[in-house]
Every structure is written in C-alpha cells, then in structure tokens.
PDB file of N, CA and C in Angstrom:
ATOM      1  N   MET A   1     119.022  81.726 113.008  1.00  0.00           N
ATOM      2  CA  MET A   1     118.178  83.046 113.714  1.00  0.00           C
ATOM      3  C   MET A   1     116.781  83.322 112.803  1.00  0.00           C
ATOM      4  N   ASP A   2     115.792  83.157 112.974  1.00  0.00           N
ATOM      5  CA  ASP A   2     114.060  82.619 111.788  1.00  0.00           C
ATOM      6  C   ASP A   2     113.998  83.994 112.073  1.00  0.00           C
ATOM      7  N   TYR A   3     114.777  85.014 110.875  1.00  0.00           N
ATOM      8  CA  TYR A   3     114.213  86.311 110.692  1.00  0.00           C
ATOM      9  C   TYR A   3     112.469  86.129 110.344  1.00  0.00           C
ATOM     10  N   LYS A   4     112.142  85.768 109.565  1.00  0.00           N
ATOM     11  CA  LYS A   4     110.562  85.867 108.892  1.00  0.00           C
ATOM     12  C   LYS A   4     110.068  85.321 110.061  1.00  0.00           C
ATOM     13  N   ARG A   5     109.933  84.572 110.984  1.00  0.00           N
ATOM     14  CA  ARG A   5     109.295  84.577 112.159  1.00  0.00           C
ATOM     15  C   ARG A   5     109.017  85.582 113.724  1.00  0.00           C
ATOM     16  N   MET A   6     110.220  86.462 113.350  1.00  0.00           N
ATOM     17  CA  MET A   6     111.090  87.582 114.260  1.00  0.00           C
ATOM     18  C   MET A   6     109.723  89.044 113.038  1.00  0.00           C
ATOM     19  N   THR A   7     109.589  88.690 112.124  1.00  0.00           N
ATOM     20  CA  THR A   7     109.277  89.443 111.265  1.00  0.00           C
ATOM     21  C   THR A   7     107.645  89.208 111.522  1.00  0.00           C
ATOM     22  N   VAL A   8     106.658  88.520 111.619  1.00  0.00           N
ATOM     23  CA  VAL A   8     105.990  88.508 111.933  1.00  0.00           C
ATOM     24  C   VAL A   8     105.159  88.696 113.344  1.00  0.00           C
ATOM     25  N   TYR A   9     106.979  87.821 114.183  1.00  0.00           N
ATOM     26  CA  TYR A   9     106.401  88.621 115.988  1.00  0.00           C
ATOM     27  C   TYR A   9     106.322  90.220 116.094  1.00  0.00           C
ATOM     28  N   PHE A  10     107.526  91.121 115.242  1.00  0.00           N
ATOM     29  CA  PHE A  10     107.452  92.151 115.765  1.00  0.00           C
ATOM     30  C   PHE A  10     106.387  92.906 114.654  1.00  0.00           C
ATOM     31  N   ILE A  11     105.048  92.290 113.585  1.00  0.00           N
ATOM     32  CA  ILE A  11     104.398  93.315 113.271  1.00  0.00           C
ATOM     33  C   ILE A  11     103.307  93.034 113.822  1.00  0.00           C
ATOM     34  N   CYS A  12     103.191  91.279 114.369  1.00  0.00           N
ATOM     35  CA  CYS A  12     101.559  91.145 115.479  1.00  0.00           C
ATOM     36  C   CYS A  12     102.051  92.595 116.911  1.00  0.00           C
ATOM     37  N   LEU A  13     102.943  92.705 117.097  1.00  0.00           N
ATOM     38  CA  LEU A  13     103.416  92.647 118.538  1.00  0.00           C
ATOM     39  C   LEU A  13     103.209  94.678 118.236  1.00  0.00           C
ATOM     40  N   THR A  14     103.518  95.163 117.374  1.00  0.00           N
ATOM     41  CA  THR A  14     103.422  96.525 116.772  1.00  0.00           C
ATOM     42  C   THR A  14     101.737  96.657 116.585  1.00  0.00           C
ATOM     43  N   ILE A  15     101.094  95.997 116.304  1.00  0.00           N
ATOM     44  CA  ILE A  15      99.477  95.731 115.979  1.00  0.00           C
ATOM     45  C   ILE A  15      99.081  95.947 117.617  1.00  0.00           C
ATOM     46  N   VAL A  16      99.784  95.338 118.154  1.00  0.00           N
ATOM     47  CA  VAL A  16      98.942  95.327 119.519  1.00  0.00           C
ATOM     48  C   VAL A  16      99.103  96.059 120.339  1.00  0.00           C
ATOM     49  N   ALA A  17     100.908  97.280 120.447  1.00  0.00           N
ATOM     50  CA  ALA A  17     101.119  97.908 120.825  1.00  0.00           C
ATOM     51  C   ALA A  17     100.499  99.073 120.709  1.00  0.00           C
ATOM     52  N   ILE A  18     100.297  99.254 119.426  1.00  0.00           N
ATOM     53  CA  ILE A  18      99.391 100.594 118.491  1.00  0.00           C
ATOM     54  C   ILE A  18      97.892 100.494 119.151  1.00  0.00           C
ATOM     55  N   ALA A  19      97.477  99.474 119.148  1.00  0.00           N
ATOM     56  CA  ALA A  19      95.934  98.737 119.353  1.00  0.00           C
ATOM     57  C   ALA A  19      95.579  99.863 120.890  1.00  0.00           C
ATOM     58  N   GLY A  20      96.996  98.783 121.847  1.00  0.00           N
ATOM     59  CA  GLY A  20      96.840  98.998 123.364  1.00  0.00           C
ATOM     60  C   GLY A  20      96.600 100.261 123.900  1.00  0.00           C
ATOM     61  N   TYR A  21      97.825 100.869 122.989  1.00  0.00           N
ATOM     62  CA  TYR A  21      98.579 102.576 123.274  1.00  0.00           C
ATOM     63  C   TYR A  21      96.816 103.435 122.878  1.00  0.00           C
ATOM     64  N   ASP A  22      95.778 103.043 121.811  1.00  0.00           N
ATOM     65  CA  ASP A  22      94.941 103.860 121.523  1.00  0.00           C
ATOM     66  C   ASP A  22      93.483 103.767 122.909  1.00  0.00           C
ATOM     67  N   VAL A  23      94.136 102.572 122.500  1.00  0.00           N
ATOM     68  CA  VAL A  23      92.854 102.427 124.126  1.00  0.00           C
ATOM     69  C   VAL A  23      92.910 103.142 125.630  1.00  0.00           C
ATOM     70  N   PHE A  24      94.034 103.121 125.363  1.00  0.00           N
ATOM     71  CA  PHE A  24      94.715 103.833 126.570  1.00  0.00           C
ATOM     72  C   PHE A  24      94.491 105.644 126.838  1.00  0.00           C
ATOM     73  N   VAL A  25      94.471 105.600 125.482  1.00  0.00           N
ATOM     74  CA  VAL A  25      94.462 107.201 125.345  1.00  0.00           C
ATOM     75  C   VAL A  25      93.425 107.690 125.270  1.00  0.00           C
ATOM     76  N   ILE A  26      92.161 106.601 124.956  1.00  0.00           N
ATOM     77  CA  ILE A  26      90.764 107.175 124.394  1.00  0.00           C
ATOM     78  C   ILE A  26      90.238 107.448 125.302  1.00  0.00           C
ATOM     79  N   SER A  27      90.473 106.427 126.496  1.00  0.00           N
ATOM     80  CA  SER A  27      89.858 106.143 127.947  1.00  0.00           C
ATOM     81  C   SER A  27      90.357 107.273 129.014  1.00  0.00           C
ATOM     82  N   LYS A  28      91.497 107.517 128.732  1.00  0.00           N
ATOM     83  CA  LYS A  28      91.965 108.700 129.796  1.00  0.00           C
ATOM     84  C   LYS A  28      91.570 110.242 129.451  1.00  0.00           C
ATOM     85  N   GLY A  29      91.565 109.962 127.453  1.00  0.00           N
ATOM     86  CA  GLY A  29      91.523 111.551 127.043  1.00  0.00           C
ATOM     87  C   GLY A  29      90.499 111.772 126.233  1.00  0.00           C
ATOM     88  N   GLY A  30      89.807 110.736 126.410  1.00  0.00           N
ATOM     89  CA  GLY A  30      88.912 110.649 124.948  1.00  0.00           C
ATOM     90  C   GLY A  30      89.351 110.478 123.612  1.00  0.00           C
ATOM     91  N   VAL A  31      87.959 110.451 122.729  1.00  0.00           N
ATOM     92  CA  VAL A  31      88.338 110.070 120.993  1.00  0.00           C
ATOM     93  C   VAL A  31      89.221 111.245 120.609  1.00  0.00           C
ATOM     94  N   GLU A  32      89.228 112.039 120.642  1.00  0.00           N
ATOM     95  CA  GLU A  32      90.641 113.505 120.059  1.00  0.00           C
ATOM     96  C   GLU A  32      91.640 112.942 120.328  1.00  0.00           C
ATOM     97  N   THR A  33      92.153 112.121 121.721  1.00  0.00           N
ATOM     98  CA  THR A  33      93.428 111.839 121.756  1.00  0.00           C
ATOM     99  C   THR A  33      94.076 110.826 120.683  1.00  0.00           C
ATOM    100  N   SER A  34      93.213 110.139 120.559  1.00  0.00           N
ATOM    101  CA  SER A  34      93.268 108.976 119.641  1.00  0.00           C
ATOM    102  C   SER A  34      94.423 109.046 118.053  1.00  0.00           C
ATOM    103  N   ILE A  35      94.831 107.877 117.924  1.00  0.00           N
ATOM    104  CA  ILE A  35      95.843 108.024 116.839  1.00  0.00           C
ATOM    105  C   ILE A  35      95.410 108.438 115.570  1.00  0.00           C
ATOM    106  N   SER A  36      93.931 107.741 115.723  1.00  0.00           N
ATOM    107  CA  SER A  36      92.713 108.149 113.992  1.00  0.00           C
ATOM    108  C   SER A  36      92.959 109.627 114.144  1.00  0.00           C
ATOM    109  N   MET A  37      92.280 110.135 115.217  1.00  0.00           N
ATOM    110  CA  MET A  37      91.861 111.650 115.095  1.00  0.00           C
ATOM    111  C   MET A  37      92.925 112.587 114.912  1.00  0.00           C
ATOM    112  N   GLN A  38      94.620 112.023 115.422  1.00  0.00           N
ATOM    113  CA  GLN A  38      96.198 112.694 114.791  1.00  0.00           C
ATOM    114  C   GLN A  38      95.439 112.807 114.008  1.00  0.00           C
ATOM    115  N   MET A  39      95.423 111.306 112.772  1.00  0.00           N
ATOM    116  CA  MET A  39      95.935 111.204 111.271  1.00  0.00           C
ATOM    117  C   MET A  39      95.039 112.425 110.762  1.00  0.00           C
ATOM    118  N   ILE A  40      93.518 112.443 111.586  1.00  0.00           N
ATOM    119  CA  ILE A  40      92.890 112.903 110.166  1.00  0.00           C
ATOM    120  C   ILE A  40      93.075 114.041 110.260  1.00  0.00           C
ATOM    121  N   GLN A  41      93.669 115.373 111.542  1.00  0.00           N
ATOM    122  CA  GLN A  41      94.012 116.282 111.821  1.00  0.00           C
ATOM    123  C   GLN A  41      95.148 116.916 110.645  1.00  0.00           C
ATOM    124  N   TRP A  42      96.269 115.507 110.916  1.00  0.00           N
ATOM    125  CA  TRP A  42      97.058 115.638 109.997  1.00  0.00           C
ATOM    126  C   TRP A  42      96.662 115.716 108.269  1.00  0.00           C
ATOM    127  N   ALA A  43      95.988 115.280 108.106  1.00  0.00           N
ATOM    128  CA  ALA A  43      95.774 115.173 106.708  1.00  0.00           C
ATOM    129  C   ALA A  43      94.729 116.373 106.660  1.00  0.00           C
ATOM    130  N   HIS A  44      93.709 117.283 107.608  1.00  0.00           N
ATOM    131  CA  HIS A  44      93.525 118.383 107.043  1.00  0.00           C
ATOM    132  C   HIS A  44      94.383 119.819 107.190  1.00  0.00           C
ATOM    133  N   LYS A  45      95.746 119.010 107.765  1.00  0.00           N
ATOM    134  CA  LYS A  45      96.656 120.554 108.453  1.00  0.00           C
ATOM    135  C   LYS A  45      97.389 120.165 106.803  1.00  0.00           C
ATOM    136  N   TYR A  46      98.080 118.821 106.862  1.00  0.00           N
ATOM    137  CA  TYR A  46      99.099 119.090 105.727  1.00  0.00           C
ATOM    138  C   TYR A  46      98.556 118.092 104.757  1.00  0.00           C
ATOM    139  N   PRO A  47      98.450 118.933 103.587  1.00  0.00           N
ATOM    140  CA  PRO A  47      97.995 118.093 102.594  1.00  0.00           C
ATOM    141  C   PRO A  47      98.700 116.752 101.259  1.00  0.00           C
ATOM    142  N   ALA A  48      99.741 116.841 101.810  1.00  0.00           N
ATOM    143  CA  ALA A  48     100.891 115.900 101.866  1.00  0.00           C
ATOM    144  C   ALA A  48     101.288 114.220 102.783  1.00  0.00           C
ATOM    145  N   PHE A  49      99.824 114.526 103.567  1.00  0.00           N
ATOM    146  CA  PHE A  49     100.457 113.083 104.501  1.00  0.00           C
ATOM    147  C   PHE A  49      99.118 111.904 103.851  1.00  0.00           C
ATOM    148  N   PRO A  50      98.180 112.607 103.846  1.00  0.00           N
ATOM    149  CA  PRO A  50      97.505 111.379 102.792  1.00  0.00           C
ATOM    150  C   PRO A  50      98.594 110.964 101.867  1.00  0.00           C
ATOM    151  N   PHE A  51      98.944 111.507 101.349  1.00  0.00           N
ATOM    152  CA  PHE A  51      99.904 111.225  99.871  1.00  0.00           C
ATOM    153  C   PHE A  51     100.900 110.320 100.450  1.00  0.00           C
ATOM    154  N   LEU A  52     101.751 110.657 101.374  1.00  0.00           N
ATOM    155  CA  LEU A  52     102.672 109.685 102.115  1.00  0.00           C
ATOM    156  C   LEU A  52     102.094 108.630 102.615  1.00  0.00           C
ATOM    157  N   MET A  53     101.190 108.537 103.275  1.00  0.00           N
ATOM    158  CA  MET A  53     100.585 107.453 104.155  1.00  0.00           C
ATOM    159  C   MET A  53      99.838 106.690 102.752  1.00  0.00           C
ATOM    160  N   GLY A  54      99.657 106.962 102.022  1.00  0.00           N
ATOM    161  CA  GLY A  54      99.549 105.993 100.526  1.00  0.00           C
ATOM    162  C   GLY A  54     100.623 105.748 100.097  1.00  0.00           C
ATOM    163  N   PHE A  55     101.604 106.110  99.757  1.00  0.00           N
ATOM    164  CA  PHE A  55     103.067 105.858  99.103  1.00  0.00           C
ATOM    165  C   PHE A  55     102.903 104.400 100.200  1.00  0.00           C
ATOM    166  N   THR A  56     103.415 105.313 101.763  1.00  0.00           N
ATOM    167  CA  THR A  56     104.010 103.631 102.832  1.00  0.00           C
ATOM    168  C   THR A  56     103.176 102.425 102.162  1.00  0.00           C
ATOM    169  N   MET A  57     102.098 102.427 101.859  1.00  0.00           N
ATOM    170  CA  MET A  57     101.021 101.397 102.459  1.00  0.00           C
ATOM    171  C   MET A  57     101.160 100.632 101.015  1.00  0.00           C
ATOM    172  N   GLY A  58     101.156 102.219  99.950  1.00  0.00           N
ATOM    173  CA  GLY A  58     101.994 101.045  98.328  1.00  0.00           C
ATOM    174  C   GLY A  58     103.224 100.725  98.670  1.00  0.00           C
ATOM    175  N   HIS A  59     104.202 101.231  99.443  1.00  0.00           N
ATOM    176  CA  HIS A  59     105.695 100.164  99.381  1.00  0.00           C
ATOM    177  C   HIS A  59     105.195  99.246 100.392  1.00  0.00           C
ATOM    178  N   LEU A  60     104.534  98.995 101.378  1.00  0.00           N
ATOM    179  CA  LEU A  60     104.176  97.725 102.051  1.00  0.00           C
ATOM    180  C   LEU A  60     103.414  96.676 101.175  1.00  0.00           C
ATOM    181  N   PHE A  61     102.108  96.786 100.184  1.00  0.00           N
ATOM    182  CA  PHE A  61     102.154  96.037  99.980  1.00  0.00           C
ATOM    183  C   PHE A  61     101.985  95.623  97.618  1.00  0.00           C
ATOM    184  N   TRP A  62     103.318  96.346  97.919  1.00  0.00           N
ATOM    185  CA  TRP A  62     103.115  96.420  96.139  1.00  0.00           C
ATOM    186  C   TRP A  62     103.971  95.040  96.245  1.00  0.00           C
ATOM    187  N   ARG A  63     103.218  94.590  94.836  1.00  0.00           N
ATOM    188  CA  ARG A  63     103.636  93.622  94.701  1.00  0.00           C
ATOM    189  C   ARG A  63     105.292  93.090  93.901  1.00  0.00           C
ATOM    190  N   MET A  64     105.794  91.798  94.738  1.00  0.00           N
ATOM    191  CA  MET A  64     106.966  91.779  94.526  1.00  0.00           C
ATOM    192  C   MET A  64     107.196  90.506  93.810  1.00  0.00           C
ATOM    193  N   GLY A  65     108.103  90.285  93.360  1.00  0.00           N
ATOM    194  CA  GLY A  65     108.331  89.071  92.272  1.00  0.00           C
ATOM    195  C   GLY A  65     107.582  87.461  93.477  1.00  0.00           C
ATOM    196  N   ASP A  66     107.531  86.926  92.576  1.00  0.00           N
ATOM    197  CA  ASP A  66     107.395  85.100  93.572  1.00  0.00           C
ATOM    198  C   ASP A  66     108.023  85.021  94.135  1.00  0.00           C
ATOM    199  N   ASN A  67     107.494  84.236  95.146  1.00  0.00           N
ATOM    200  CA  ASN A  67     108.540  83.688  96.144  1.00  0.00           C
ATOM    201  C   ASN A  67     107.407  81.931  96.583  1.00  0.00           C
ATOM    202  N   SER A  68     108.378  80.908  97.205  1.00  0.00           N
ATOM    203  CA  SER A  68     107.571  79.554  96.783  1.00  0.00           C
ATOM    204  C   SER A  68     105.827  79.756  98.108  1.00  0.00           C
ATOM    205  N   VAL A  69     105.270  80.599  98.715  1.00  0.00           N
ATOM    206  CA  VAL A  69     104.393  81.126  99.379  1.00  0.00           C
ATOM    207  C   VAL A  69     103.983  82.132  98.097  1.00  0.00           C
ATOM    208  N   THR A  70     104.005  83.064  97.624  1.00  0.00           N
ATOM    209  CA  THR A  70     103.220  84.106  96.447  1.00  0.00           C
ATOM    210  C   THR A  70     102.823  83.155  95.497  1.00  0.00           C
ATOM    211  N   LYS A  71     103.408  82.265  94.650  1.00  0.00           N
ATOM    212  CA  LYS A  71     103.998  81.049  93.237  1.00  0.00           C
ATOM    213  C   LYS A  71     102.563  80.600  94.146  1.00  0.00           C
ATOM    214  N   LYS A  72     102.429  79.591  94.825  1.00  0.00           N
ATOM    215  CA  LYS A  72     101.123  78.511  94.926  1.00  0.00           C
ATOM    216  C   LYS A  72      99.699  79.474  95.271  1.00  0.00           C
ATOM    217  N   ILE A  73      99.151  81.004  95.855  1.00  0.00           N
ATOM    218  CA  ILE A  73      98.300  81.895  95.706  1.00  0.00           C
ATOM    219  C   ILE A  73      98.323  81.677  94.080  1.00  0.00           C
ATOM    220  N   ALA A  74      99.291  82.428  93.124  1.00  0.00           N
ATOM    221  CA  ALA A  74      99.492  82.961  92.059  1.00  0.00           C
ATOM    222  C   ALA A  74      98.730  81.723  91.506  1.00  0.00           C
ATOM    223  N   GLU A  75      98.925  80.251  91.409  1.00  0.00           N
ATOM    224  CA  GLU A  75      98.819  79.371  90.317  1.00  0.00           C
ATOM    225  C   GLU A  75      97.423  78.969  91.085  1.00  0.00           C
ATOM    226  N   SER A  76      96.725  79.125  92.752  1.00  0.00           N
ATOM    227  CA  SER A  76      95.400  78.824  92.611  1.00  0.00           C
ATOM    228  C   SER A  76      94.902  79.336  91.980  1.00  0.00           C
ATOM    229  N   PHE A  77      94.651  81.020  91.662  1.00  0.00           N
ATOM    230  CA  PHE A  77      94.112  82.171  90.722  1.00  0.00           C
ATOM    231  C   PHE A  77      93.724  81.994  89.073  1.00  0.00           C
ATOM    232  N   LYS A  78      95.327  80.863  88.873  1.00  0.00           N
ATOM    233  CA  LYS A  78      94.823  80.958  87.796  1.00  0.00           C
ATOM    234  C   LYS A  78      93.780  79.638  87.576  1.00  0.00           C
ATOM    235  N   LYS A  79      94.227  78.400  87.900  1.00  0.00           N
ATOM    236  CA  LYS A  79      93.335  77.402  88.202  1.00  0.00           C
ATOM    237  C   LYS A  79      91.853  78.058  88.435  1.00  0.00           C
ATOM    238  N   ASP A  80      90.805  78.811  89.204  1.00  0.00           N
ATOM    239  CA  ASP A  80      90.465  79.514  89.414  1.00  0.00           C
ATOM    240  C   ASP A  80      89.843  79.747  87.729  1.00  0.00           C
ATOM    241  N   LYS A  81      90.133  80.697  87.476  1.00  0.00           N
ATOM    242  CA  LYS A  81      89.505  81.040  86.236  1.00  0.00           C
ATOM    243  C   LYS A  81      90.223  80.353  84.564  1.00  0.00           C
TER     244      LYS A  81
END
C-alpha cells in the first residue's frame, strides 16, 4: 500500500470537500454561513482559537529533518547563494 499517495489523495479530497461545502452553504445561506465567517466569529469570541490555529499550522509546516525530496530542495537553495 502506498501511504504517501494515500496522504496526497486525502489532503486533496479534504480541500475539495471543504471548498465544496463552503460553496454549498454560501449559496444556500449566504456569506454569514461560510467556514471563514464561523472561524472569524470564534476568533472574536475565543481568543485562544487563533492561537490554536497557529499552533496547528506550525505543527503542519514546521521543518522536519531532511528526506530525499527536501534535501534536493535545500541543496538547490545553497547553490543559489
């Protein structure tokens, strides 16, 4: 089983599902029903929410150790300097 490919499909499917849901609820209930609007309201009501979102994004995008793909990218940046 190719877990890397499954992960890519999962990420793409999740993005499509979120976008599709958002388009659907906006078309039926207006902009105030969107995911973005709900998250903005939570941010105003619960100040910890933006922090938790930042923490989550940091977790997802924090630099891990190099692998075969990221090593090539890092080396290309070193050559540019």
